[in-house]
Amino acid sequence: MGFMQALRARWNAADTLVCVGLDPEPAKFPARFDGDPDAVFAFCRDIADATAEFACAFKPQIAHFAALGAEDALQRLVAHLHAAHPAVPVILDAKRGDIGSTAQRYAVEAFGRYRADAVTVNPYLGRDSVQPFLDHADRGVVILCRTSNPGACDLQDLDVGGRPLYQHVAEAIARDWNTHGNCALVVGATWPAQLAEVRAIVGDMPLLVPGVGAQGGDAEAVVRNAKSADGTGLLVSSSRAILYASAGDDYADAAAHAARSLRDTLNAAR
C-alpha cells in the first residue's frame, strides 16, 4: 500500500487528523532518562507507542536526531514504527532540496536508508530538484508551500503577476508535478486565510499543517479553512505540545492525553 492509500485508510479507520511530530530534545526528557545512552530512541518509542491510536501519521524531524549523532536511533525508531504500528505512515521531516544527483541521493536516504513512507522537500530549486522524490510513486512527497514561521512572508508572499508566490507553487504542484498522485503540501496553521486559499487551488490534495500548539496555530481554524470535501485532507502536526506534555514519569500518559485532546478538538471542528 502506497503512502496516500495508507493515509486515507488511517483517516477513516482511526478517525483522526493528528500527525505526531517526533523532535527529540534530551534536555526536555524526564529525569528517568538521565545517563541512558539510548535515551533518544527510548523516549521517542515510548511517545509513539502511547500516541499511535490517535495518530494519522508520525513525523520524525531528521535534524533533531542528526544534531545528536543519533541517526542510528532514527533508523531503529522508523523500523519500530513500521513493526509496531504498521497502519500509521511515517513522514521524514527533512525538507530536502538540491540538484541532480544530489537530490537522487537524498531520495535514497529518505526512502532507502530510513524507509520513510514520505518526506518533506523544498521546491524552490525547481521541479528537477524534487523529481527524484516524485519518481517514487508509492511514497509521499510533502512540499513546502506556505510555512508556519514568521519570516515566511519574506519570499513566499512576493507578488508574482498579481498573486503571491506560494499560490503559484500550489498551482504548479497540483497541475503539473502531481503526476503520480503522491504530492502533499505544507501550509502553516499560523496562516488560516492562506490555508483556505491553498485548499481552493489544490482540491483534495493532503495538507500537512504544522504550527498548532507551541507555535500558536488555532486547531479549529485549521479545520474550518482547510479540510477537504469529505472532512479529511489534513495532517495537523503537533510536536512539543505532545512530546513534552509532562516532564515526570507520566510523560507517556500525558502525551497520549495531549494527542487525544487534539484529535477531539479537530474532530469537533469538522
C-alpha atoms as a PDB file:
ATOM      1  CA  MET A   1       0.000   0.000   0.000  1.00  0.00           C
ATOM      2  CA  GLY A   2       1.388   3.404  -1.000  1.00  0.00           C
ATOM      3  CA  PHE A   3       1.614   6.430   1.268  1.00  0.00           C
ATOM      4  CA  MET A   4      -1.556   8.130   0.031  1.00  0.00           C
ATOM      5  CA  GLN A   5      -3.612   4.962   0.319  1.00  0.00           C
ATOM      6  CA  ALA A   6      -2.263   4.318   3.822  1.00  0.00           C
ATOM      7  CA  LEU A   7      -3.006   7.888   4.873  1.00  0.00           C
ATOM      8  CA  ARG A   8      -6.583   7.808   3.622  1.00  0.00           C
ATOM      9  CA  ALA A   9      -7.137   4.435   5.267  1.00  0.00           C
ATOM     10  CA  ARG A  10      -5.803   5.831   8.532  1.00  0.00           C
ATOM     11  CA  TRP A  11      -8.023   8.922   8.372  1.00  0.00           C
ATOM     12  CA  ASN A  12     -11.060   6.688   8.068  1.00  0.00           C
ATOM     13  CA  ALA A  13     -10.132   3.786  10.350  1.00  0.00           C
ATOM     14  CA  ALA A  14      -8.789   5.861  13.250  1.00  0.00           C
ATOM     15  CA  ASP A  15     -10.961   8.963  12.738  1.00  0.00           C
ATOM     16  CA  THR A  16      -8.015  11.274  13.364  1.00  0.00           C
ATOM     17  CA  LEU A  17      -6.194  14.137  11.656  1.00  0.00           C
ATOM     18  CA  VAL A  18      -3.334  14.302  14.178  1.00  0.00           C
ATOM     19  CA  CYS A  19       0.256  13.991  12.980  1.00  0.00           C
ATOM     20  CA  VAL A  20       2.583  13.343  15.923  1.00  0.00           C
ATOM     21  CA  GLY A  21       5.919  15.103  15.474  1.00  0.00           C
ATOM     22  CA  LEU A  22       8.943  13.355  16.962  1.00  0.00           C
ATOM     23  CA  ASP A  23      11.536  16.062  17.666  1.00  0.00           C
ATOM     24  CA  PRO A  24      13.784  14.789  20.475  1.00  0.00           C
ATOM     25  CA  GLU A  25      15.457  17.342  22.754  1.00  0.00           C
ATOM     26  CA  PRO A  26      17.207  15.424  25.543  1.00  0.00           C
ATOM     27  CA  ALA A  27      17.285  18.475  27.827  1.00  0.00           C
ATOM     28  CA  LYS A  28      13.487  18.231  27.998  1.00  0.00           C
ATOM     29  CA  PHE A  29      13.341  14.483  28.679  1.00  0.00           C
ATOM     30  CA  PRO A  30      12.118  13.248  32.070  1.00  0.00           C
ATOM     31  CA  ALA A  31      14.814  12.659  34.672  1.00  0.00           C
ATOM     32  CA  ARG A  32      14.467   8.897  34.298  1.00  0.00           C
ATOM     33  CA  PHE A  33      16.413   9.165  31.010  1.00  0.00           C
ATOM     34  CA  ASP A  34      19.433  10.848  32.596  1.00  0.00           C
ATOM     35  CA  GLY A  35      22.533   8.834  31.761  1.00  0.00           C
ATOM     36  CA  ASP A  36      20.692   6.500  29.385  1.00  0.00           C
ATOM     37  CA  PRO A  37      22.859   6.146  26.254  1.00  0.00           C
ATOM     38  CA  ASP A  38      19.782   5.103  24.278  1.00  0.00           C
ATOM     39  CA  ALA A  39      17.511   7.842  25.629  1.00  0.00           C
ATOM     40  CA  VAL A  40      16.656   9.343  22.219  1.00  0.00           C
ATOM     41  CA  PHE A  41      15.302   6.090  20.839  1.00  0.00           C
ATOM     42  CA  ALA A  42      13.625   5.013  24.078  1.00  0.00           C
ATOM     43  CA  PHE A  43      11.845   8.324  24.660  1.00  0.00           C
ATOM     44  CA  CYS A  44      10.569   8.609  21.074  1.00  0.00           C
ATOM     45  CA  ARG A  45       9.486   4.959  21.079  1.00  0.00           C
ATOM     46  CA  ASP A  46       7.507   5.459  24.282  1.00  0.00           C
ATOM     47  CA  ILE A  47       5.805   8.585  22.946  1.00  0.00           C
ATOM     48  CA  ALA A  48       4.942   6.866  19.673  1.00  0.00           C
ATOM     49  CA  ASP A  49       3.555   3.789  21.385  1.00  0.00           C
ATOM     50  CA  ALA A  50       1.427   5.948  23.684  1.00  0.00           C
ATOM     51  CA  THR A  51       0.015   8.152  20.911  1.00  0.00           C
ATOM     52  CA  ALA A  52      -0.309   5.713  17.996  1.00  0.00           C
ATOM     53  CA  GLU A  53      -4.047   5.178  18.393  1.00  0.00           C
ATOM     54  CA  PHE A  54      -4.618   8.924  17.968  1.00  0.00           C
ATOM     55  CA  ALA A  55      -2.185   9.444  15.062  1.00  0.00           C
ATOM     56  CA  CYS A  56      -2.813   9.541  11.327  1.00  0.00           C
ATOM     57  CA  ALA A  57       0.962   9.813  10.825  1.00  0.00           C
ATOM     58  CA  PHE A  58       4.267  10.112  12.670  1.00  0.00           C
ATOM     59  CA  LYS A  59       6.751  12.789  11.650  1.00  0.00           C
ATOM     60  CA  PRO A  60      10.314  12.410  12.969  1.00  0.00           C
ATOM     61  CA  GLN A  61      12.427  15.522  12.345  1.00  0.00           C
ATOM     62  CA  ILE A  62      15.821  14.469  10.991  1.00  0.00           C
ATOM     63  CA  ALA A  63      17.826  17.440  12.331  1.00  0.00           C
ATOM     64  CA  HIS A  64      16.811  16.659  15.909  1.00  0.00           C
ATOM     65  CA  PHE A  65      18.434  13.244  15.505  1.00  0.00           C
ATOM     66  CA  ALA A  66      21.411  14.216  13.332  1.00  0.00           C
ATOM     67  CA  ALA A  67      22.475  17.049  15.644  1.00  0.00           C
ATOM     68  CA  LEU A  68      22.808  14.469  18.407  1.00  0.00           C
ATOM     69  CA  GLY A  69      24.658  11.962  16.238  1.00  0.00           C
ATOM     70  CA  ALA A  70      21.576   9.782  16.648  1.00  0.00           C
ATOM     71  CA  GLU A  71      20.911   8.708  13.070  1.00  0.00           C
ATOM     72  CA  ASP A  72      21.035   5.083  14.179  1.00  0.00           C
ATOM     73  CA  ALA A  73      18.306   5.825  16.723  1.00  0.00           C
ATOM     74  CA  LEU A  74      16.206   7.337  13.919  1.00  0.00           C
ATOM     75  CA  GLN A  75      16.649   4.236  11.751  1.00  0.00           C
ATOM     76  CA  ARG A  76      15.670   1.986  14.637  1.00  0.00           C
ATOM     77  CA  LEU A  77      12.736   4.227  15.520  1.00  0.00           C
ATOM     78  CA  VAL A  78      11.291   4.093  11.996  1.00  0.00           C
ATOM     79  CA  ALA A  79      11.753   0.322  11.975  1.00  0.00           C
ATOM     80  CA  HIS A  80       9.912   0.123  15.292  1.00  0.00           C
ATOM     81  CA  LEU A  81       7.073   2.297  13.996  1.00  0.00           C
ATOM     82  CA  HIS A  82       6.643   0.089  10.935  1.00  0.00           C
ATOM     83  CA  ALA A  83       6.682  -3.077  13.044  1.00  0.00           C
ATOM     84  CA  ALA A  84       4.533  -1.945  15.969  1.00  0.00           C
ATOM     85  CA  HIS A  85       2.164   0.446  14.170  1.00  0.00           C
ATOM     86  CA  PRO A  86       2.127  -0.603  10.509  1.00  0.00           C
ATOM     87  CA  ALA A  87      -1.098   1.269   9.732  1.00  0.00           C
ATOM     88  CA  VAL A  88       0.418   4.647  10.680  1.00  0.00           C
ATOM     89  CA  PRO A  89       2.586   6.117   7.883  1.00  0.00           C
ATOM     90  CA  VAL A  90       5.913   7.770   8.696  1.00  0.00           C
ATOM     91  CA  ILE A  91       6.906  11.139   7.226  1.00  0.00           C
ATOM     92  CA  LEU A  92      10.607  12.014   7.415  1.00  0.00           C
ATOM     93  CA  ASP A  93      10.731  15.762   8.033  1.00  0.00           C
ATOM     94  CA  ALA A  94      13.941  16.584   6.163  1.00  0.00           C
ATOM     95  CA  LYS A  95      12.969  19.495   3.874  1.00  0.00           C
ATOM     96  CA  ARG A  96      15.453  18.352   1.265  1.00  0.00           C
ATOM     97  CA  GLY A  97      16.053  20.312  -1.915  1.00  0.00           C
ATOM     98  CA  ASP A  98      19.077  20.057  -4.186  1.00  0.00           C
ATOM     99  CA  ILE A  99      20.044  19.495  -7.785  1.00  0.00           C
ATOM    100  CA  GLY A 100      20.541  16.423  -9.961  1.00  0.00           C
ATOM    101  CA  SER A 101      22.471  13.529  -8.500  1.00  0.00           C
ATOM    102  CA  THR A 102      22.449  15.058  -5.009  1.00  0.00           C
ATOM    103  CA  ALA A 103      18.665  15.066  -4.944  1.00  0.00           C
ATOM    104  CA  GLN A 104      18.742  11.433  -6.018  1.00  0.00           C
ATOM    105  CA  ARG A 105      20.944  10.572  -3.046  1.00  0.00           C
ATOM    106  CA  TYR A 106      18.635  12.428  -0.685  1.00  0.00           C
ATOM    107  CA  ALA A 107      15.768  10.328  -2.042  1.00  0.00           C
ATOM    108  CA  VAL A 108      17.780   7.180  -1.326  1.00  0.00           C
ATOM    109  CA  GLU A 109      18.451   8.481   2.178  1.00  0.00           C
ATOM    110  CA  ALA A 110      14.773   9.066   2.913  1.00  0.00           C
ATOM    111  CA  PHE A 111      13.254   6.027   1.257  1.00  0.00           C
ATOM    112  CA  GLY A 112      16.141   3.559   1.367  1.00  0.00           C
ATOM    113  CA  ARG A 113      18.178   4.255   4.466  1.00  0.00           C
ATOM    114  CA  TYR A 114      15.340   5.457   6.710  1.00  0.00           C
ATOM    115  CA  ARG A 115      12.475   3.606   4.973  1.00  0.00           C
ATOM    116  CA  ALA A 116      10.140   6.578   5.348  1.00  0.00           C
ATOM    117  CA  ASP A 117       6.731   6.459   3.699  1.00  0.00           C
ATOM    118  CA  ALA A 118       7.006  10.150   2.799  1.00  0.00           C
ATOM    119  CA  VAL A 119       9.482  13.019   3.033  1.00  0.00           C
ATOM    120  CA  THR A 120       9.241  16.802   3.198  1.00  0.00           C
ATOM    121  CA  VAL A 121      11.041  18.698   0.433  1.00  0.00           C
ATOM    122  CA  ASN A 122      11.744  22.289  -0.595  1.00  0.00           C
ATOM    123  CA  PRO A 123      10.564  23.235  -4.115  1.00  0.00           C
ATOM    124  CA  TYR A 124      12.459  26.476  -4.545  1.00  0.00           C
ATOM    125  CA  LEU A 125      15.215  24.972  -6.708  1.00  0.00           C
ATOM    126  CA  GLY A 126      12.560  23.911  -9.204  1.00  0.00           C
ATOM    127  CA  ARG A 127      10.950  20.692 -10.297  1.00  0.00           C
ATOM    128  CA  ASP A 128      14.158  18.867 -11.215  1.00  0.00           C
ATOM    129  CA  SER A 129      15.285  19.129  -7.588  1.00  0.00           C
ATOM    130  CA  VAL A 130      12.119  17.343  -6.466  1.00  0.00           C
ATOM    131  CA  GLN A 131      11.759  14.898  -9.359  1.00  0.00           C
ATOM    132  CA  PRO A 132      13.869  12.100  -7.802  1.00  0.00           C
ATOM    133  CA  PHE A 133      11.368  12.020  -4.923  1.00  0.00           C
ATOM    134  CA  LEU A 134       8.323  12.296  -7.202  1.00  0.00           C
ATOM    135  CA  ASP A 135       9.565   9.284  -9.174  1.00  0.00           C
ATOM    136  CA  HIS A 136       8.887   7.080  -6.124  1.00  0.00           C
ATOM    137  CA  ALA A 137       5.194   6.777  -6.966  1.00  0.00           C
ATOM    138  CA  ASP A 138       4.344   4.777  -3.844  1.00  0.00           C
ATOM    139  CA  ARG A 139       5.950   7.303  -1.475  1.00  0.00           C
ATOM    140  CA  GLY A 140       4.628  10.678  -0.416  1.00  0.00           C
ATOM    141  CA  VAL A 141       6.337  13.948  -1.341  1.00  0.00           C
ATOM    142  CA  VAL A 142       5.285  16.694   1.055  1.00  0.00           C
ATOM    143  CA  ILE A 143       6.288  20.012  -0.485  1.00  0.00           C
ATOM    144  CA  LEU A 144       6.757  23.332   1.313  1.00  0.00           C
ATOM    145  CA  CYS A 145       4.207  25.910   0.197  1.00  0.00           C
ATOM    146  CA  ARG A 146       3.297  28.486   2.901  1.00  0.00           C
ATOM    147  CA  THR A 147       5.298  27.717   6.002  1.00  0.00           C
ATOM    148  CA  SER A 148       4.423  28.493   9.629  1.00  0.00           C
ATOM    149  CA  ASN A 149       7.428  30.627  10.578  1.00  0.00           C
ATOM    150  CA  PRO A 150       7.188  34.439  10.924  1.00  0.00           C
ATOM    151  CA  GLY A 151       9.681  35.018   8.081  1.00  0.00           C
ATOM    152  CA  ALA A 152       7.641  33.013   5.580  1.00  0.00           C
ATOM    153  CA  CYS A 153       6.332  36.238   4.078  1.00  0.00           C
ATOM    154  CA  ASP A 154       9.842  37.407   3.112  1.00  0.00           C
ATOM    155  CA  LEU A 155       9.783  35.302  -0.056  1.00  0.00           C
ATOM    156  CA  GLN A 156       6.605  33.239  -0.147  1.00  0.00           C
ATOM    157  CA  ASP A 157       4.348  36.318  -0.293  1.00  0.00           C
ATOM    158  CA  LEU A 158       6.242  38.051  -3.092  1.00  0.00           C
ATOM    159  CA  ASP A 159       3.880  39.373  -5.775  1.00  0.00           C
ATOM    160  CA  VAL A 160       4.229  37.389  -8.984  1.00  0.00           C
ATOM    161  CA  GLY A 161       1.803  38.552 -11.642  1.00  0.00           C
ATOM    162  CA  GLY A 162      -0.728  39.797  -9.104  1.00  0.00           C
ATOM    163  CA  ARG A 163      -0.623  36.707  -6.880  1.00  0.00           C
ATOM    164  CA  PRO A 164       1.713  35.667  -4.070  1.00  0.00           C
ATOM    165  CA  LEU A 165       4.435  33.196  -4.952  1.00  0.00           C
ATOM    166  CA  TYR A 166       3.077  30.445  -2.667  1.00  0.00           C
ATOM    167  CA  GLN A 167      -0.138  30.342  -4.716  1.00  0.00           C
ATOM    168  CA  HIS A 168       1.900  29.754  -7.871  1.00  0.00           C
ATOM    169  CA  VAL A 169       3.753  26.957  -6.055  1.00  0.00           C
ATOM    170  CA  ALA A 170       0.473  25.326  -5.020  1.00  0.00           C
ATOM    171  CA  GLU A 171      -0.941  25.597  -8.540  1.00  0.00           C
ATOM    172  CA  ALA A 172       2.159  24.222 -10.255  1.00  0.00           C
ATOM    173  CA  ILE A 173       2.338  21.221  -7.952  1.00  0.00           C
ATOM    174  CA  ALA A 174      -1.369  20.408  -8.272  1.00  0.00           C
ATOM    175  CA  ARG A 175      -1.409  20.909 -12.044  1.00  0.00           C
ATOM    176  CA  ASP A 176       1.984  19.663 -13.225  1.00  0.00           C
ATOM    177  CA  TRP A 177       4.054  17.910 -10.546  1.00  0.00           C
ATOM    178  CA  ASN A 178       1.490  15.538  -9.071  1.00  0.00           C
ATOM    179  CA  THR A 179       1.508  13.075 -11.953  1.00  0.00           C
ATOM    180  CA  HIS A 180       1.625  10.055  -9.612  1.00  0.00           C
ATOM    181  CA  GLY A 181      -0.881  11.491  -7.143  1.00  0.00           C
ATOM    182  CA  ASN A 182       1.742  11.347  -4.391  1.00  0.00           C
ATOM    183  CA  CYS A 183       2.103  15.045  -3.527  1.00  0.00           C
ATOM    184  CA  ALA A 184       1.008  16.909  -0.428  1.00  0.00           C
ATOM    185  CA  LEU A 185       1.708  20.489   0.647  1.00  0.00           C
ATOM    186  CA  VAL A 186       2.982  22.099   3.837  1.00  0.00           C
ATOM    187  CA  VAL A 187       0.876  25.097   4.889  1.00  0.00           C
ATOM    188  CA  GLY A 188       1.258  26.541   8.373  1.00  0.00           C
ATOM    189  CA  ALA A 189      -1.546  26.668  10.913  1.00  0.00           C
ATOM    190  CA  THR A 190      -0.487  30.231  11.704  1.00  0.00           C
ATOM    191  CA  TRP A 191      -1.956  31.410   8.378  1.00  0.00           C
ATOM    192  CA  PRO A 192      -5.626  30.276   8.324  1.00  0.00           C
ATOM    193  CA  ALA A 193      -6.650  32.561   5.453  1.00  0.00           C
ATOM    194  CA  GLN A 194      -3.811  31.229   3.320  1.00  0.00           C
ATOM    195  CA  LEU A 195      -4.854  27.689   4.201  1.00  0.00           C
ATOM    196  CA  ALA A 196      -8.254  28.378   2.667  1.00  0.00           C
ATOM    197  CA  GLU A 197      -6.649  29.867  -0.451  1.00  0.00           C
ATOM    198  CA  VAL A 198      -4.384  26.866  -0.949  1.00  0.00           C
ATOM    199  CA  ARG A 199      -7.251  24.423  -0.394  1.00  0.00           C
ATOM    200  CA  ALA A 200      -9.252  26.187  -3.104  1.00  0.00           C
ATOM    201  CA  ILE A 201      -6.314  25.823  -5.512  1.00  0.00           C
ATOM    202  CA  VAL A 202      -5.358  22.180  -4.893  1.00  0.00           C
ATOM    203  CA  GLY A 203      -8.715  20.474  -4.306  1.00  0.00           C
ATOM    204  CA  ASP A 204      -8.437  17.374  -2.133  1.00  0.00           C
ATOM    205  CA  MET A 205      -4.629  17.180  -2.048  1.00  0.00           C
ATOM    206  CA  PRO A 206      -3.465  16.475   1.517  1.00  0.00           C
ATOM    207  CA  LEU A 207      -2.093  19.373   3.542  1.00  0.00           C
ATOM    208  CA  LEU A 208       0.471  18.912   6.297  1.00  0.00           C
ATOM    209  CA  VAL A 209      -0.234  21.695   8.764  1.00  0.00           C
ATOM    210  CA  PRO A 210       2.446  22.475  11.364  1.00  0.00           C
ATOM    211  CA  GLY A 211       2.195  25.263  13.911  1.00  0.00           C
ATOM    212  CA  VAL A 212      -0.646  24.073  16.163  1.00  0.00           C
ATOM    213  CA  GLY A 213       0.268  24.153  19.840  1.00  0.00           C
ATOM    214  CA  ALA A 214       3.620  25.700  20.710  1.00  0.00           C
ATOM    215  CA  GLN A 215       3.597  27.999  17.648  1.00  0.00           C
ATOM    216  CA  GLY A 216       0.123  29.296  18.430  1.00  0.00           C
ATOM    217  CA  GLY A 217      -1.915  27.995  15.491  1.00  0.00           C
ATOM    218  CA  ASP A 218      -5.653  27.568  16.086  1.00  0.00           C
ATOM    219  CA  ALA A 219      -6.699  23.948  15.545  1.00  0.00           C
ATOM    220  CA  GLU A 220     -10.350  24.765  14.944  1.00  0.00           C
ATOM    221  CA  ALA A 221      -9.488  27.461  12.400  1.00  0.00           C
ATOM    222  CA  VAL A 222      -7.279  24.980  10.555  1.00  0.00           C
ATOM    223  CA  VAL A 223     -10.158  22.547  10.115  1.00  0.00           C
ATOM    224  CA  ARG A 224     -12.678  25.216   9.136  1.00  0.00           C
ATOM    225  CA  ASN A 225     -10.390  26.641   6.484  1.00  0.00           C
ATOM    226  CA  ALA A 226      -8.576  23.620   5.142  1.00  0.00           C
ATOM    227  CA  LYS A 227     -10.497  20.354   5.445  1.00  0.00           C
ATOM    228  CA  SER A 228     -11.226  18.605   2.176  1.00  0.00           C
ATOM    229  CA  ALA A 229     -14.710  17.985   0.837  1.00  0.00           C
ATOM    230  CA  ASP A 230     -15.060  14.742   2.810  1.00  0.00           C
ATOM    231  CA  GLY A 231     -13.854  16.303   6.071  1.00  0.00           C
ATOM    232  CA  THR A 232     -10.334  14.845   5.925  1.00  0.00           C
ATOM    233  CA  GLY A 233      -7.381  16.046   3.829  1.00  0.00           C
ATOM    234  CA  LEU A 234      -5.308  17.239   6.795  1.00  0.00           C
ATOM    235  CA  LEU A 235      -2.313  16.125   8.827  1.00  0.00           C
ATOM    236  CA  VAL A 236      -2.329  18.583  11.706  1.00  0.00           C
ATOM    237  CA  SER A 237       1.123  18.321  13.207  1.00  0.00           C
ATOM    238  CA  SER A 238       1.923  18.822  16.864  1.00  0.00           C
ATOM    239  CA  SER A 239       5.344  18.101  18.328  1.00  0.00           C
ATOM    240  CA  ARG A 240       6.356  19.892  21.521  1.00  0.00           C
ATOM    241  CA  ALA A 241       2.847  20.113  22.956  1.00  0.00           C
ATOM    242  CA  ILE A 242       2.586  16.319  22.795  1.00  0.00           C
ATOM    243  CA  LEU A 243       6.191  15.262  23.380  1.00  0.00           C
ATOM    244  CA  TYR A 244       6.749  17.384  26.452  1.00  0.00           C
ATOM    245  CA  ALA A 245       3.264  17.419  27.942  1.00  0.00           C
ATOM    246  CA  SER A 246       4.878  16.232  31.174  1.00  0.00           C
ATOM    247  CA  ALA A 247       8.451  16.111  32.454  1.00  0.00           C
ATOM    248  CA  GLY A 248       7.546  13.466  35.035  1.00  0.00           C
ATOM    249  CA  ASP A 249       7.225   9.725  34.972  1.00  0.00           C
ATOM    250  CA  ASP A 250       3.752  10.124  33.458  1.00  0.00           C
ATOM    251  CA  TYR A 251       5.287  11.555  30.253  1.00  0.00           C
ATOM    252  CA  ALA A 252       3.803   8.861  28.004  1.00  0.00           C
ATOM    253  CA  ASP A 253       0.319   9.087  29.521  1.00  0.00           C
ATOM    254  CA  ALA A 254       0.467  12.884  29.292  1.00  0.00           C
ATOM    255  CA  ALA A 255       1.483  12.670  25.621  1.00  0.00           C
ATOM    256  CA  ALA A 256      -1.422  10.326  24.934  1.00  0.00           C
ATOM    257  CA  HIS A 257      -3.796  12.725  26.663  1.00  0.00           C
ATOM    258  CA  ALA A 258      -2.488  15.662  24.609  1.00  0.00           C
ATOM    259  CA  ALA A 259      -2.811  13.722  21.347  1.00  0.00           C
ATOM    260  CA  ARG A 260      -6.319  12.573  22.247  1.00  0.00           C
ATOM    261  CA  SER A 261      -7.329  16.112  23.159  1.00  0.00           C
ATOM    262  CA  LEU A 262      -6.066  17.485  19.847  1.00  0.00           C
ATOM    263  CA  ARG A 263      -7.836  14.709  17.944  1.00  0.00           C
ATOM    264  CA  ASP A 264     -11.093  15.512  19.710  1.00  0.00           C
ATOM    265  CA  THR A 265     -10.733  19.250  19.097  1.00  0.00           C
ATOM    266  CA  LEU A 266     -10.102  18.692  15.398  1.00  0.00           C
ATOM    267  CA  ASN A 267     -12.978  16.227  15.061  1.00  0.00           C
ATOM    268  CA  ALA A 268     -15.398  18.576  16.829  1.00  0.00           C
ATOM    269  CA  ALA A 269     -14.460  21.305  14.358  1.00  0.00           C
ATOM    270  CA  ARG A 270     -15.262  19.124  11.356  1.00  0.00           C
END
